[in-house]
Protein backbone atom coordinates (compact mmCIF):
# COMPACT_ATOMS: atom_id res chain seq x y z
CA UNK A 1 0.71 -16.21 0.25
CA UNK A 2 -2.37 -16.85 2.40
CA UNK A 3 -0.25 -17.08 5.56
CA UNK A 4 1.67 -13.91 4.73
CA UNK A 5 -1.43 -11.90 3.80
CA UNK A 6 -3.23 -13.00 6.97
CA UNK A 7 -0.24 -12.07 9.13
CA UNK A 8 0.11 -8.65 7.52
CA UNK A 9 -3.63 -8.03 7.82
CA UNK A 10 -3.60 -9.02 11.50
CA UNK A 11 -0.59 -6.78 12.18
CA UNK A 12 -2.28 -3.80 10.52
CA UNK A 13 -5.55 -4.46 12.35
CA UNK A 14 -3.80 -4.67 15.73
CA UNK A 15 -2.12 -1.31 15.12
CA UNK A 16 -5.47 0.22 14.16
CA UNK A 17 -7.07 -1.21 17.31
CA UNK A 18 -4.28 0.13 19.53
CA UNK A 19 -4.66 3.58 18.00
CA UNK A 20 -8.43 3.42 18.43
CA UNK A 21 -7.97 2.48 22.09
CA UNK A 22 -5.52 5.34 22.59
CA UNK A 23 -8.08 7.83 21.25
CA UNK A 24 -11.34 6.41 22.61
CA UNK A 25 -10.35 4.09 25.45
CA UNK A 26 -12.30 1.28 23.79
CA UNK A 27 -10.86 -2.13 22.99
CA UNK A 28 -11.61 -4.20 19.90
CA UNK A 29 -12.09 -7.83 18.92
CA UNK A 30 -10.21 -8.73 15.71
CA UNK A 31 -10.93 -11.69 13.45
CA UNK A 32 -8.72 -12.53 10.44
CA UNK A 33 -9.09 -15.59 8.24
CA UNK A 34 -6.66 -16.87 5.62
CA UNK A 35 -9.40 -16.74 2.98
CA UNK A 36 -10.54 -13.18 3.76
CA UNK A 37 -6.97 -11.88 3.75
CA UNK A 38 -5.95 -13.33 0.40
CA UNK A 39 -9.35 -12.50 -1.12
CA UNK A 40 -8.70 -8.85 -0.23
CA UNK A 41 -5.52 -9.03 -2.32
CA UNK A 42 -7.68 -10.13 -5.27
CA UNK A 43 -9.77 -6.94 -5.27
CA UNK A 44 -8.36 -5.52 -8.52
CA UNK A 45 -9.05 -8.54 -10.77
CA UNK A 46 -12.43 -9.07 -9.07
CA UNK A 47 -13.45 -5.46 -9.71
CA UNK A 48 -12.29 -5.78 -13.31
CA UNK A 49 -14.39 -8.93 -13.68
CA UNK A 50 -17.47 -7.49 -12.00
CA UNK A 51 -17.55 -4.06 -13.63
CA UNK A 52 -15.65 -4.25 -16.93
CA UNK A 53 -16.10 -7.90 -18.00
CA UNK A 54 -12.30 -8.17 -18.22
CA UNK A 55 -11.16 -11.76 -17.67
CA UNK A 56 -7.80 -11.92 -15.88
CA UNK A 57 -5.69 -14.85 -17.02
CA UNK A 58 -2.78 -16.44 -15.18
CA UNK A 59 0.32 -14.56 -16.29
CA UNK A 60 3.26 -15.96 -14.32
CA UNK A 61 5.89 -13.25 -13.93
CA UNK A 62 3.98 -11.07 -16.37
CA UNK A 63 1.31 -8.65 -15.13
CA UNK A 64 -2.27 -9.69 -15.91
CA UNK A 65 -3.48 -6.15 -16.59
CA UNK A 66 -0.39 -4.30 -17.89
CA UNK A 67 1.55 -4.82 -21.12
CA UNK A 68 4.42 -4.94 -21.57
CA UNK A 69 5.32 -6.16 -18.11
CA UNK A 70 7.38 -9.23 -17.23
CA UNK A 71 10.70 -11.06 -17.48
CA UNK A 72 12.61 -11.35 -20.75
CA UNK A 73 15.66 -13.47 -21.60
CA UNK A 74 18.84 -11.66 -22.65
CA UNK A 75 21.64 -12.83 -24.94
CA UNK A 76 23.73 -14.08 -22.00
CA UNK A 77 20.88 -16.25 -20.64
CA UNK A 78 19.94 -13.90 -17.79
CA UNK A 79 16.43 -12.50 -17.34
CA UNK A 80 15.49 -8.85 -16.89
CA UNK A 81 12.08 -7.71 -15.67
CA UNK A 82 10.58 -4.37 -16.63
CA UNK A 83 7.23 -2.65 -16.84
CA UNK A 84 5.43 0.02 -18.82
CA UNK A 85 2.72 1.65 -16.72
CA UNK A 86 1.72 4.81 -18.60
CA UNK A 87 1.82 6.39 -22.04
CA UNK A 88 5.01 8.37 -21.42
CA UNK A 89 6.85 5.19 -20.48
CA UNK A 90 5.46 3.42 -23.56
CA UNK A 91 6.70 6.15 -25.89
CA UNK A 92 10.15 6.20 -24.27
CA UNK A 93 10.36 2.42 -24.37
CA UNK A 94 9.53 2.27 -28.08
CA UNK A 95 11.82 5.10 -29.07
CA UNK A 96 14.84 4.49 -26.84
CA UNK A 97 14.84 0.76 -26.11
CA UNK A 98 13.08 -0.93 -29.01
CA UNK A 99 14.30 1.71 -31.50
CA UNK A 100 10.80 1.47 -32.98
CA UNK A 101 9.05 4.85 -32.67
CA UNK A 102 6.53 3.62 -35.24
CA UNK A 103 5.03 1.29 -32.62
CA UNK A 104 3.89 4.03 -30.25
CA UNK A 105 0.60 4.56 -32.10
CA UNK A 106 0.53 1.41 -34.22
CA UNK A 107 -2.75 -0.47 -34.49
CA UNK A 108 -2.98 -2.94 -31.61
CA UNK A 109 -0.29 -1.23 -29.52
CA UNK A 110 -1.50 2.36 -29.03
CA UNK A 111 -2.78 1.95 -25.46
CA UNK A 112 -2.57 -0.59 -22.66
CA UNK A 113 -5.86 -2.35 -23.40
CA UNK A 114 -4.87 -2.79 -27.05
CA UNK A 115 -1.47 -4.15 -26.01
CA UNK A 116 -3.11 -6.63 -23.62
CA UNK A 117 -5.15 -7.93 -26.53
CA UNK A 118 -2.03 -8.29 -28.67
CA UNK A 119 0.43 -9.42 -26.01
CA UNK A 120 1.83 -12.41 -28.02
CA UNK A 121 2.68 -10.17 -31.00
CA UNK A 122 4.17 -7.53 -28.73
CA UNK A 123 6.23 -10.10 -26.84
CA UNK A 124 7.76 -11.36 -30.10
CA UNK A 125 9.08 -7.87 -30.82
CA UNK A 126 10.36 -7.35 -27.25
CA UNK A 127 11.93 -10.80 -26.97
CA UNK A 128 13.86 -10.23 -30.19
CA UNK A 129 15.29 -6.97 -28.87
CA UNK A 130 16.31 -8.49 -25.52
CA UNK A 131 17.97 -11.40 -27.34
CA UNK A 132 20.34 -8.89 -28.95
CA UNK A 133 21.57 -7.49 -25.63
CA UNK A 134 23.39 -8.81 -22.57
CA UNK A 135 21.71 -8.40 -19.19
CA UNK A 136 23.95 -5.42 -18.37
CA UNK A 137 23.34 -3.78 -21.74
CA UNK A 138 19.56 -4.27 -21.47
CA UNK A 139 19.46 -2.67 -18.02
CA UNK A 140 21.56 0.27 -19.26
CA UNK A 141 19.17 0.89 -22.13
CA UNK A 142 16.11 0.54 -19.91
CA UNK A 143 17.70 3.07 -17.55
CA UNK A 144 18.17 5.45 -20.47
CA UNK A 145 14.52 4.90 -21.43
CA UNK A 146 13.48 5.71 -17.84
CA UNK A 147 11.70 2.37 -17.49
CA UNK A 148 11.26 0.51 -14.21
CA UNK A 149 13.42 -2.62 -14.39
CA UNK A 150 15.35 -5.18 -12.40
CA UNK A 151 17.33 -8.38 -12.89
CA UNK A 152 15.44 -11.59 -12.16
CA UNK A 153 17.70 -13.06 -9.48
CA UNK A 154 18.28 -16.59 -8.26
CA UNK A 155 18.65 -17.20 -4.51
CA UNK A 156 22.44 -17.24 -4.93
CA UNK A 157 22.26 -13.78 -6.58
CA UNK A 158 20.26 -12.38 -3.66
CA UNK A 159 22.70 -13.86 -1.14
CA UNK A 160 25.56 -11.81 -2.60
CA UNK A 161 23.54 -8.81 -3.79
CA UNK A 162 25.34 -5.54 -2.92
CA UNK A 163 22.16 -3.93 -1.57
CA UNK A 164 21.19 -6.75 0.80
CA UNK A 165 21.55 -5.58 4.41
CA UNK A 166 22.83 -8.20 6.83
CA UNK A 167 22.69 -8.47 10.60
CA UNK A 168 24.33 -10.93 12.96
CA UNK A 169 22.22 -13.04 15.29
CA UNK A 170 23.31 -15.55 17.89
CA UNK A 171 21.99 -19.11 17.84
CA UNK A 172 22.72 -22.17 20.00
CA UNK A 173 24.91 -23.39 17.12
CA UNK A 174 26.86 -20.14 16.76
CA UNK A 175 26.48 -16.71 15.15
CA UNK A 176 24.88 -16.45 11.72
CA UNK A 177 24.40 -13.55 9.31
CA UNK A 178 20.77 -13.15 8.30
CA UNK A 179 19.04 -10.61 6.07
CA UNK A 180 18.14 -7.60 8.21
CA UNK A 181 14.51 -6.64 8.94
CA UNK A 182 13.13 -4.43 6.18
CA UNK A 183 12.07 -1.53 8.44
CA UNK A 184 14.84 0.90 9.48
CA UNK A 185 14.17 2.96 12.61
CA UNK A 186 15.98 6.29 13.02
CA UNK A 187 18.63 5.21 10.48
CA UNK A 188 20.01 2.78 13.05
CA UNK A 189 21.43 -0.68 12.39
CA UNK A 190 19.10 -3.26 13.97
CA UNK A 191 20.23 -5.34 16.92
CA UNK A 192 18.47 -8.68 17.25
CA UNK A 193 18.28 -10.77 20.39
CA UNK A 194 19.76 -14.27 20.14
CA UNK A 195 17.66 -17.27 19.20
CA UNK A 196 16.88 -19.05 22.51
CA UNK A 197 18.06 -22.59 23.04
CA UNK A 198 15.82 -25.47 24.05
CA UNK A 199 14.33 -24.86 27.55
CA UNK A 200 15.99 -21.43 27.78
CA UNK A 201 12.78 -19.76 29.01
CA UNK A 202 10.85 -22.72 30.36
CA UNK A 203 11.22 -21.86 34.04
CA UNK A 204 10.45 -18.17 33.46
CA UNK A 205 7.24 -19.08 31.61
CA UNK A 206 6.22 -21.49 34.35
CA UNK A 207 6.84 -18.88 37.01
CA UNK A 208 4.73 -16.37 35.07
CA UNK A 209 1.86 -18.89 34.97
CA UNK A 210 2.24 -19.68 38.67
CA UNK A 211 2.22 -15.96 39.52
CA UNK A 212 -0.98 -15.51 37.54
CA UNK A 213 -2.64 -18.41 39.33
CA UNK A 214 -1.60 -17.03 42.72
CA UNK A 215 -3.00 -13.59 41.84
CA UNK A 216 -6.28 -15.13 40.70
CA UNK A 217 -6.56 -17.20 43.89
CA UNK A 218 -5.87 -14.15 46.04
CA UNK A 219 -8.64 -12.15 44.38
CA UNK A 220 -11.19 -14.98 44.62
């Protein structure tokens, strides 16, 4: 996570610096550390700690500051994740998925902060309902309740997922199909250059270095 957050932060900062240069003509020096980048991602729980005395606990797949939110086991052994993020979703979830409209304003469950404080009791109710449904049935009912949801997939499930976009790329060992880059430009299918073999660019890199040295010597 630290590596990914630092890379994304550096990428964003470089784009900002390029835009700044385009407008002002001024360059910029950018510094990004692994610690600073991942600390930035912790802003929400830190702000909650500093200004509301709310102590965020480790929650695994569940959300530390939203309830209900997480993965629940269905009757067929598969897990479905879902979230409730506002009062409208909570009412729909109780009425249409749990079939428990009485819970919408019940003591301990009426708003998100109350539900966070009573998460174990709430989870018992939700887990029982999911245990009565197959994964497909649970997702159908969550769809009807207009809740955000998704199946918790294994790697094998992702590999054959119908929405995964694939792209071919050449390698020294032959062509492979890899997951396509997430960004889509102008609705076009991406075309990736082949993975270079060992020493494929060695001479070109050396020549670039030699050319730079010659240019420096000539200007001395």
